Amino acid sequence: MLLQYLLVHTSVFSGALAASLSHVLHEKREIPLPGFKQRIDGDSIIPVRIGLRQSNLHTGYERLMDVSHPSSENYGKHLTKEEVHSIFAPADETVDAVKNWLLGSGLFGDDEIMHYENKGWLAVDMPARHAEALLGTHFYEVESANGNVRIGCEEYYVPAHISGHVDYIKPGVKLSAPMKKRQINQKRGLSAASHHHVPHVRPPHYPGWALPPAAQGLPPALQNCGVNITPTCIKALYDLPTAKYSQPEDVMGLYESYDSFSQEDITLFFQNFATNVPAGTKPKVISVDGGTAPVAPSDERNGGESDIDLDLAISLIYPQSVTVYEVDDLPNSSGETGKDGFLNTFLDSIDGSYCNYSAYGITGDSPTLDATY
């Protein structure tokens, strides 16, 4: 993640509790928050998750090849979950620095800060006003055309001495998962969305793209890689070889929830940007607890994310196959029920032992987080 180390002047946050002069800019959106936005109520509880800077990431490729390449003596000797957590766990110094920052704010007690079992995250739920004071920012509700609400901010700041220990914080410049905003007339049994057609959300319009001088000497297919996400650009960026083989036991799996792909959309993408993929190519879809895919291009659940995932996944690995796990029915995946267990439903479906796993005094589903079917 590219961080911009700019000192904060308290006047930037007029009308809000300001970050001190020791704070630096950690993340900032390059494009303003989309759609209609309004300040979030200060008493609203925000689930803040702090991603800690991991260790040994530079060894990831070598470790992967060590157990994945047939010529390696460790071929097939895959690491356990615990081994992976330990290898890439943030340094103790990192965990202590971030926890001390949170405790030093005087806003939380030690028992309110949870350290994830994978060691990479710290979690604390707090009122929005506390999160704004801690990060020197304003949090907004961003409402889309279909009535879903996400939480995010334009930028946020952290103390200079912990900036190197924090990867990123969410919600932040990355918006939260969608939530259904409740309207007053819903209490009378009416749905605000039932009285009008919800148009398909179109991507925002950006000014014309000026070709950088450095790109003018590149092949035409690579000149616009600064703004276009195409298989050709991705292959050039990461030096990916052209896929040639298909093994039945090797299938790429994609997790999707709420956002669903449109077969018409991905077919059109292949026609224009991946002619190596035959017309009509589609992923295998496994529905988990009511997940629905594909959907029509005009469907409100076709937000584009699943389309992009499949556009690139299929284009880059074809003739290898792709399976989509579409998770959760509409009320739960949209946040309408308030039971956003995130990956828990998916993990329950592929690993029966996870249903009975015990951690932090909880066995199986957490009643306040996980949907019940």
Protein backbone atom coordinates (compact mmCIF):
# COMPACT_ATOMS: atom_id res chain seq x y z
CA MET A 1 0.00 0.00 0.00
CA LEU A 2 1.32 3.40 -0.95
CA LEU A 3 1.21 5.78 2.00
CA GLN A 4 1.53 9.52 1.77
CA TYR A 5 3.36 10.97 4.76
CA LEU A 6 1.94 14.45 5.10
CA LEU A 7 1.71 16.32 8.38
CA VAL A 8 -1.78 17.24 9.45
CA HIS A 9 -2.76 20.76 10.35
CA THR A 10 -5.66 20.85 12.75
CA SER A 11 -7.51 23.42 10.68
CA VAL A 12 -8.16 20.73 8.07
CA PHE A 13 -10.77 19.29 10.38
CA SER A 14 -12.86 22.37 11.10
CA GLY A 15 -15.93 21.38 13.05
CA ALA A 16 -14.53 17.98 14.11
CA LEU A 17 -12.14 16.73 16.72
CA ALA A 18 -8.80 17.16 14.99
CA ALA A 19 -5.83 14.87 14.81
CA SER A 20 -2.76 16.29 16.49
CA LEU A 21 0.25 17.66 14.64
CA SER A 22 2.00 14.33 15.18
CA HIS A 23 -0.46 12.62 12.84
CA VAL A 24 0.26 11.84 9.19
CA LEU A 25 -2.00 11.08 6.27
CA HIS A 26 -2.32 7.31 5.95
CA GLU A 27 -4.82 6.88 3.10
CA LYS A 28 -6.74 9.27 0.85
CA ARG A 29 -9.23 8.62 -1.91
CA GLU A 30 -8.12 9.75 -5.36
CA ILE A 31 -11.77 9.95 -6.45
CA PRO A 32 -14.44 11.51 -4.18
CA LEU A 33 -16.95 9.25 -2.48
CA PRO A 34 -19.62 8.26 -5.03
CA GLY A 35 -23.34 8.91 -4.78
CA PHE A 36 -25.28 10.81 -2.13
CA LYS A 37 -23.45 11.14 1.18
CA GLN A 38 -24.21 12.56 4.61
CA ARG A 39 -22.37 12.64 7.93
CA ILE A 40 -22.96 9.56 10.02
CA ASP A 41 -24.63 10.03 13.39
CA GLY A 42 -21.97 10.38 16.06
CA ASP A 43 -23.57 7.74 18.28
CA SER A 44 -23.72 5.10 15.55
CA ILE A 45 -21.48 2.15 16.35
CA ILE A 46 -18.77 1.48 13.76
CA PRO A 47 -16.93 -1.86 13.67
CA VAL A 48 -13.35 -0.58 13.20
CA ARG A 49 -10.83 -3.14 11.95
CA ILE A 50 -7.12 -2.28 11.89
CA GLY A 51 -4.97 -4.30 9.52
CA LEU A 52 -1.49 -4.72 10.98
CA ARG A 53 1.69 -4.69 8.90
CA GLN A 54 2.62 -8.33 8.34
CA SER A 55 6.06 -9.92 8.45
CA ASN A 56 7.89 -12.04 5.87
CA LEU A 57 5.59 -11.21 2.95
CA HIS A 58 8.65 -11.14 0.69
CA THR A 59 9.08 -14.88 1.28
CA GLY A 60 5.56 -15.76 0.17
CA TYR A 61 6.37 -16.68 -3.42
CA GLU A 62 9.33 -18.89 -2.48
CA ARG A 63 7.30 -20.67 0.20
CA LEU A 64 4.44 -21.24 -2.24
CA MET A 65 6.75 -22.70 -4.88
CA ASP A 66 8.47 -24.85 -2.25
CA VAL A 67 5.27 -26.83 -1.64
CA SER A 68 3.68 -26.40 -5.09
CA HIS A 69 6.41 -27.23 -7.61
CA PRO A 70 6.72 -30.94 -8.50
CA SER A 71 10.53 -30.76 -8.46
CA SER A 72 10.63 -29.53 -4.84
CA GLU A 73 11.34 -32.06 -2.10
CA ASN A 74 8.57 -30.38 -0.10
CA TYR A 75 6.01 -30.74 -2.90
CA GLY A 76 2.56 -31.31 -1.41
CA LYS A 77 3.70 -30.69 2.17
CA HIS A 78 1.31 -27.83 2.68
CA LEU A 79 1.53 -25.60 5.72
CA THR A 80 -1.10 -25.72 8.42
CA LYS A 81 -3.26 -22.71 9.11
CA GLU A 82 -1.35 -22.10 12.33
CA GLU A 83 2.00 -22.22 10.51
CA VAL A 84 0.81 -19.67 7.95
CA HIS A 85 -0.42 -17.37 10.71
CA SER A 86 2.90 -17.61 12.54
CA ILE A 87 5.06 -17.01 9.47
CA PHE A 88 3.27 -13.84 8.40
CA ALA A 89 2.20 -12.60 11.83
CA PRO A 90 2.94 -8.94 12.58
CA ALA A 91 5.89 -8.35 14.89
CA ASP A 92 5.15 -8.07 18.61
CA GLU A 93 6.40 -4.49 18.38
CA THR A 94 3.68 -3.75 15.82
CA VAL A 95 0.89 -5.26 17.90
CA ASP A 96 2.04 -3.47 21.05
CA ALA A 97 2.45 -0.10 19.31
CA VAL A 98 -1.06 -0.11 17.85
CA LYS A 99 -2.70 -1.41 21.04
CA ASN A 100 -0.91 1.22 23.12
CA TRP A 101 -2.15 3.91 20.72
CA LEU A 102 -5.73 2.73 21.17
CA LEU A 103 -5.41 2.44 24.95
CA GLY A 104 -3.62 5.79 25.17
CA SER A 105 -6.61 7.51 23.59
CA GLY A 106 -8.56 6.84 26.78
CA LEU A 107 -11.56 5.77 24.70
CA PHE A 108 -11.27 2.01 25.21
CA GLY A 109 -10.31 -0.57 27.77
CA ASP A 110 -7.97 -3.47 27.06
CA ASP A 111 -10.88 -5.92 27.16
CA GLU A 112 -12.61 -4.03 24.32
CA ILE A 113 -9.78 -4.61 21.84
CA MET A 114 -9.85 -7.99 20.13
CA HIS A 115 -6.78 -9.49 18.43
CA TYR A 116 -7.87 -11.77 15.59
CA GLU A 117 -6.82 -15.41 15.76
CA ASN A 118 -4.96 -14.97 12.45
CA LYS A 119 -2.87 -12.33 14.28
CA GLY A 120 -3.22 -9.81 11.46
CA TRP A 121 -6.07 -7.63 12.74
CA LEU A 122 -7.13 -5.66 15.78
CA ALA A 123 -10.85 -5.04 16.16
CA VAL A 124 -12.78 -2.59 18.30
CA ASP A 125 -16.36 -1.38 18.00
CA MET A 126 -16.80 2.31 18.80
CA PRO A 127 -19.18 5.25 18.33
CA ALA A 128 -18.57 7.16 15.11
CA ARG A 129 -17.52 10.27 17.04
CA HIS A 130 -14.71 8.30 18.71
CA ALA A 131 -13.55 6.89 15.38
CA GLU A 132 -13.52 10.39 13.89
CA ALA A 133 -11.49 11.75 16.80
CA LEU A 134 -9.06 8.85 16.65
CA LEU A 135 -8.46 9.12 12.90
CA GLY A 136 -8.92 12.87 12.38
CA THR A 137 -11.64 12.46 9.79
CA HIS A 138 -15.37 12.60 9.06
CA PHE A 139 -17.30 9.39 8.40
CA TYR A 140 -20.15 9.45 5.90
CA GLU A 141 -23.09 7.31 4.92
CA VAL A 142 -22.90 6.80 1.15
CA GLU A 143 -26.24 5.84 -0.37
CA SER A 144 -26.48 4.18 -3.77
CA ALA A 145 -29.39 4.33 -6.19
CA ASN A 146 -30.79 1.03 -4.87
CA GLY A 147 -30.96 2.30 -1.28
CA ASN A 148 -27.95 0.46 0.08
CA VAL A 149 -25.75 2.40 2.47
CA ARG A 150 -22.01 2.02 2.97
CA ILE A 151 -19.77 3.79 5.48
CA GLY A 152 -16.48 5.44 4.57
CA CYS A 153 -14.35 8.57 4.60
CA GLU A 154 -12.34 10.65 2.15
CA GLU A 155 -9.07 10.30 4.10
CA TYR A 156 -7.78 9.43 7.53
CA TYR A 157 -4.72 10.02 9.68
CA VAL A 158 -2.71 8.06 12.24
CA PRO A 159 0.18 9.04 14.56
CA ALA A 160 3.51 9.12 12.76
CA HIS A 161 5.06 6.59 15.14
CA ILE A 162 2.51 3.88 14.28
CA SER A 163 2.04 4.62 10.58
CA GLY A 164 4.62 2.00 9.66
CA HIS A 165 2.82 -0.59 11.79
CA VAL A 166 -0.61 -0.15 10.17
CA ASP A 167 -1.45 -1.57 6.75
CA TYR A 168 -4.93 -0.07 6.44
CA ILE A 169 -8.06 0.59 8.47
CA LYS A 170 -11.65 -0.21 7.54
CA PRO A 171 -14.10 1.25 7.11
CA GLY A 172 -12.01 4.04 5.66
CA VAL A 173 -11.31 4.98 2.08
CA LYS A 174 -12.51 1.44 1.38
CA LEU A 175 -16.24 1.50 2.05
CA SER A 176 -17.94 -0.93 4.40
CA ALA A 177 -20.12 -3.78 3.20
CA PRO A 178 -23.55 -2.61 1.96
CA MET A 179 -26.32 -2.16 4.50
CA LYS A 180 -29.99 -1.58 3.83
CA LYS A 181 -31.10 1.84 5.06
CA ARG A 182 -34.46 1.62 6.76
CA GLN A 183 -37.12 4.15 5.77
CA ILE A 184 -39.89 5.46 8.03
CA ASN A 185 -42.63 4.08 5.78
CA GLN A 186 -41.21 0.57 6.14
CA LYS A 187 -42.67 0.54 9.66
CA ARG A 188 -46.09 0.72 8.03
CA GLY A 189 -45.34 -2.33 5.91
CA LEU A 190 -44.30 -0.42 2.80
CA SER A 191 -40.98 -0.64 1.03
CA ALA A 192 -39.66 2.59 -0.43
CA ALA A 193 -38.08 0.62 -3.26
CA SER A 194 -41.37 -1.07 -4.20
CA HIS A 195 -42.86 2.11 -5.69
CA HIS A 196 -40.30 2.77 -8.38
CA HIS A 197 -37.92 0.97 -10.68
CA VAL A 198 -34.33 0.92 -9.46
CA PRO A 199 -32.09 1.78 -12.41
CA HIS A 200 -28.86 -0.09 -13.01
CA VAL A 201 -26.01 1.94 -11.55
CA ARG A 202 -23.73 3.19 -14.27
CA PRO A 203 -20.01 3.71 -13.68
CA PRO A 204 -19.00 7.33 -13.00
CA HIS A 205 -17.78 9.50 -15.85
CA TYR A 206 -14.16 10.65 -15.73
CA PRO A 207 -12.42 13.32 -17.82
CA GLY A 208 -10.50 12.33 -20.93
CA TRP A 209 -7.34 10.31 -20.49
CA ALA A 210 -4.13 12.00 -21.59
CA LEU A 211 -1.56 9.44 -22.73
CA PRO A 212 1.60 9.81 -20.59
CA PRO A 213 4.83 10.34 -22.56
CA ALA A 214 6.30 7.12 -21.11
CA ALA A 215 3.41 5.11 -22.58
CA GLN A 216 3.78 6.39 -26.13
CA GLY A 217 6.51 3.88 -26.95
CA LEU A 218 4.51 0.89 -25.74
CA PRO A 219 2.45 -1.44 -27.93
CA PRO A 220 -1.08 -0.07 -28.47
CA ALA A 221 -2.63 -2.73 -26.22
CA LEU A 222 -0.49 -1.53 -23.30
CA GLN A 223 -0.68 2.24 -23.73
CA ASN A 224 -3.87 2.67 -21.69
CA CYS A 225 -3.00 0.31 -18.83
CA GLY A 226 -2.95 3.30 -16.49
CA VAL A 227 -6.74 3.47 -16.64
CA ASN A 228 -7.87 0.16 -18.14
CA ILE A 229 -7.96 -3.24 -16.45
CA THR A 230 -7.52 -5.76 -19.25
CA PRO A 231 -6.00 -9.26 -19.33
CA THR A 232 -3.22 -7.94 -21.57
CA CYS A 233 -2.33 -5.24 -19.04
CA ILE A 234 -2.42 -7.60 -16.06
CA LYS A 235 -0.28 -10.20 -17.85
CA ALA A 236 2.29 -7.55 -18.74
CA LEU A 237 2.29 -6.03 -15.25
CA TYR A 238 2.86 -9.35 -13.47
CA ASP A 239 4.72 -11.17 -16.26
CA LEU A 240 2.07 -13.90 -16.42
CA PRO A 241 2.48 -16.65 -19.02
CA THR A 242 -0.32 -17.65 -21.37
CA ALA A 243 -2.36 -20.49 -19.86
CA LYS A 244 -2.34 -23.69 -21.92
CA TYR A 245 -3.43 -26.55 -19.71
CA SER A 246 -6.60 -27.71 -18.01
CA GLN A 247 -6.51 -30.12 -15.08
CA PRO A 248 -9.89 -31.26 -13.68
CA GLU A 249 -8.56 -31.18 -10.12
CA ASP A 250 -7.27 -27.61 -10.46
CA VAL A 251 -10.18 -25.19 -10.27
CA MET A 252 -10.09 -21.54 -9.23
CA GLY A 253 -12.72 -20.72 -6.62
CA LEU A 254 -14.20 -17.25 -6.17
CA TYR A 255 -16.19 -16.07 -3.14
CA GLU A 256 -19.02 -13.64 -3.93
CA SER A 257 -21.85 -12.32 -1.80
CA TYR A 258 -24.69 -9.92 -2.70
CA ASP A 259 -22.91 -8.67 -5.83
CA SER A 260 -23.65 -11.12 -8.67
CA PHE A 261 -22.23 -11.42 -12.15
CA SER A 262 -24.12 -11.06 -15.42
CA GLN A 263 -23.36 -13.67 -18.08
CA GLU A 264 -24.13 -11.09 -20.77
CA ASP A 265 -21.55 -8.71 -19.30
CA ILE A 266 -18.69 -11.20 -19.07
CA THR A 267 -19.43 -12.56 -22.55
CA LEU A 268 -19.18 -9.04 -23.96
CA PHE A 269 -15.87 -8.55 -22.14
CA PHE A 270 -14.42 -11.73 -23.61
CA GLN A 271 -15.48 -10.66 -27.10
CA ASN A 272 -13.62 -7.37 -26.75
CA PHE A 273 -10.62 -8.12 -24.52
CA ALA A 274 -10.10 -11.90 -24.34
CA THR A 275 -10.73 -13.48 -27.71
CA ASN A 276 -8.94 -16.63 -26.48
CA VAL A 277 -12.07 -17.41 -24.43
CA PRO A 278 -14.81 -19.08 -26.54
CA ALA A 279 -18.25 -17.51 -26.69
CA GLY A 280 -20.60 -18.87 -24.05
CA THR A 281 -17.86 -19.71 -21.54
CA LYS A 282 -19.29 -19.53 -18.05
CA PRO A 283 -18.21 -20.42 -14.51
CA LYS A 284 -19.73 -23.18 -12.43
CA VAL A 285 -21.98 -21.62 -9.78
CA ILE A 286 -22.47 -23.14 -6.33
CA SER A 287 -25.22 -21.43 -4.34
CA VAL A 288 -24.68 -21.28 -0.57
CA ASP A 289 -27.76 -20.54 1.55
CA GLY A 290 -29.72 -18.82 -1.18
CA GLY A 291 -26.98 -17.00 -3.08
CA THR A 292 -28.13 -16.17 -6.62
CA ALA A 293 -26.03 -15.93 -9.79
CA PRO A 294 -25.99 -15.05 -12.58
CA VAL A 295 -28.43 -12.13 -12.72
CA ALA A 296 -29.62 -9.80 -15.48
CA PRO A 297 -27.41 -6.80 -16.34
CA SER A 298 -30.14 -4.48 -15.02
CA ASP A 299 -30.47 -6.29 -11.68
CA GLU A 300 -29.50 -4.18 -8.65
CA ARG A 301 -27.16 -6.96 -7.49
CA ASN A 302 -25.07 -6.60 -10.64
CA GLY A 303 -22.79 -3.94 -9.20
CA GLY A 304 -19.78 -4.83 -11.35
CA GLU A 305 -17.41 -6.38 -8.81
CA SER A 306 -18.28 -9.99 -9.64
CA ASP A 307 -18.17 -9.15 -13.34
CA ILE A 308 -14.60 -7.84 -13.00
CA ASP A 309 -13.53 -10.84 -10.91
CA LEU A 310 -14.71 -13.24 -13.60
CA ASP A 311 -13.60 -11.08 -16.53
CA LEU A 312 -10.00 -11.38 -15.36
CA ALA A 313 -10.03 -14.81 -13.70
CA ILE A 314 -11.43 -16.63 -16.73
CA SER A 315 -9.39 -14.58 -19.21
CA LEU A 316 -6.09 -15.25 -17.42
CA ILE A 317 -6.43 -18.99 -16.68
CA TYR A 318 -8.58 -20.31 -19.55
CA PRO A 319 -8.82 -23.25 -20.41
CA GLN A 320 -8.72 -23.87 -16.66
CA SER A 321 -12.17 -23.69 -15.08
CA VAL A 322 -13.60 -21.33 -12.45
CA THR A 323 -16.19 -21.98 -9.74
CA VAL A 324 -18.18 -19.17 -8.10
CA TYR A 325 -19.47 -19.64 -4.56
CA GLU A 326 -22.41 -17.22 -4.35
CA VAL A 327 -23.13 -16.87 -0.64
CA ASP A 328 -26.24 -15.81 1.33
CA ASP A 329 -29.74 -14.84 0.28
CA LEU A 330 -30.67 -11.22 -0.43
CA PRO A 331 -31.86 -10.16 3.06
CA ASN A 332 -28.65 -11.37 4.71
CA SER A 333 -26.13 -10.48 2.02
CA SER A 334 -27.53 -6.94 1.68
CA GLY A 335 -27.23 -6.29 5.41
CA GLU A 336 -30.99 -5.91 5.84
CA THR A 337 -31.07 -8.44 8.71
CA GLY A 338 -28.02 -6.96 10.43
CA LYS A 339 -26.45 -10.44 10.50
CA ASP A 340 -23.29 -9.92 8.48
CA GLY A 341 -21.15 -12.89 9.46
CA PHE A 342 -19.05 -12.25 6.34
CA LEU A 343 -17.11 -15.45 5.54
CA ASN A 344 -18.67 -17.59 8.26
CA THR A 345 -21.54 -18.93 6.14
CA PHE A 346 -19.12 -19.80 3.35
CA LEU A 347 -16.69 -21.55 5.70
CA ASP A 348 -19.55 -23.51 7.26
CA SER A 349 -20.47 -24.81 3.81
CA ILE A 350 -17.03 -26.10 2.81
CA ASP A 351 -15.68 -27.30 6.17
CA GLY A 352 -18.05 -29.03 8.55
CA SER A 353 -15.57 -28.77 11.42
CA TYR A 354 -15.87 -24.99 11.28
CA CYS A 355 -19.51 -25.26 12.37
CA ASN A 356 -18.37 -26.59 15.75
CA TYR A 357 -15.11 -24.67 16.11
CA SER A 358 -14.61 -22.89 19.43
CA ALA A 359 -12.81 -19.57 19.89
CA TYR A 360 -13.22 -16.56 22.21
CA GLY A 361 -15.85 -18.44 24.18
CA ILE A 362 -18.07 -19.02 21.14
CA THR A 363 -18.77 -22.37 19.50
CA GLY A 364 -20.31 -22.38 16.06
CA ASP A 365 -22.46 -19.44 15.02
CA SER A 366 -22.33 -16.15 16.89
CA PRO A 367 -25.99 -15.17 17.45
CA THR A 368 -25.30 -11.46 17.02
CA LEU A 369 -23.34 -11.86 13.78
CA ASP A 370 -24.27 -14.99 11.87
CA ALA A 371 -27.43 -15.55 9.88
CA THR A 372 -29.61 -18.54 10.75
CA TYR A 373 -31.15 -20.64 7.99
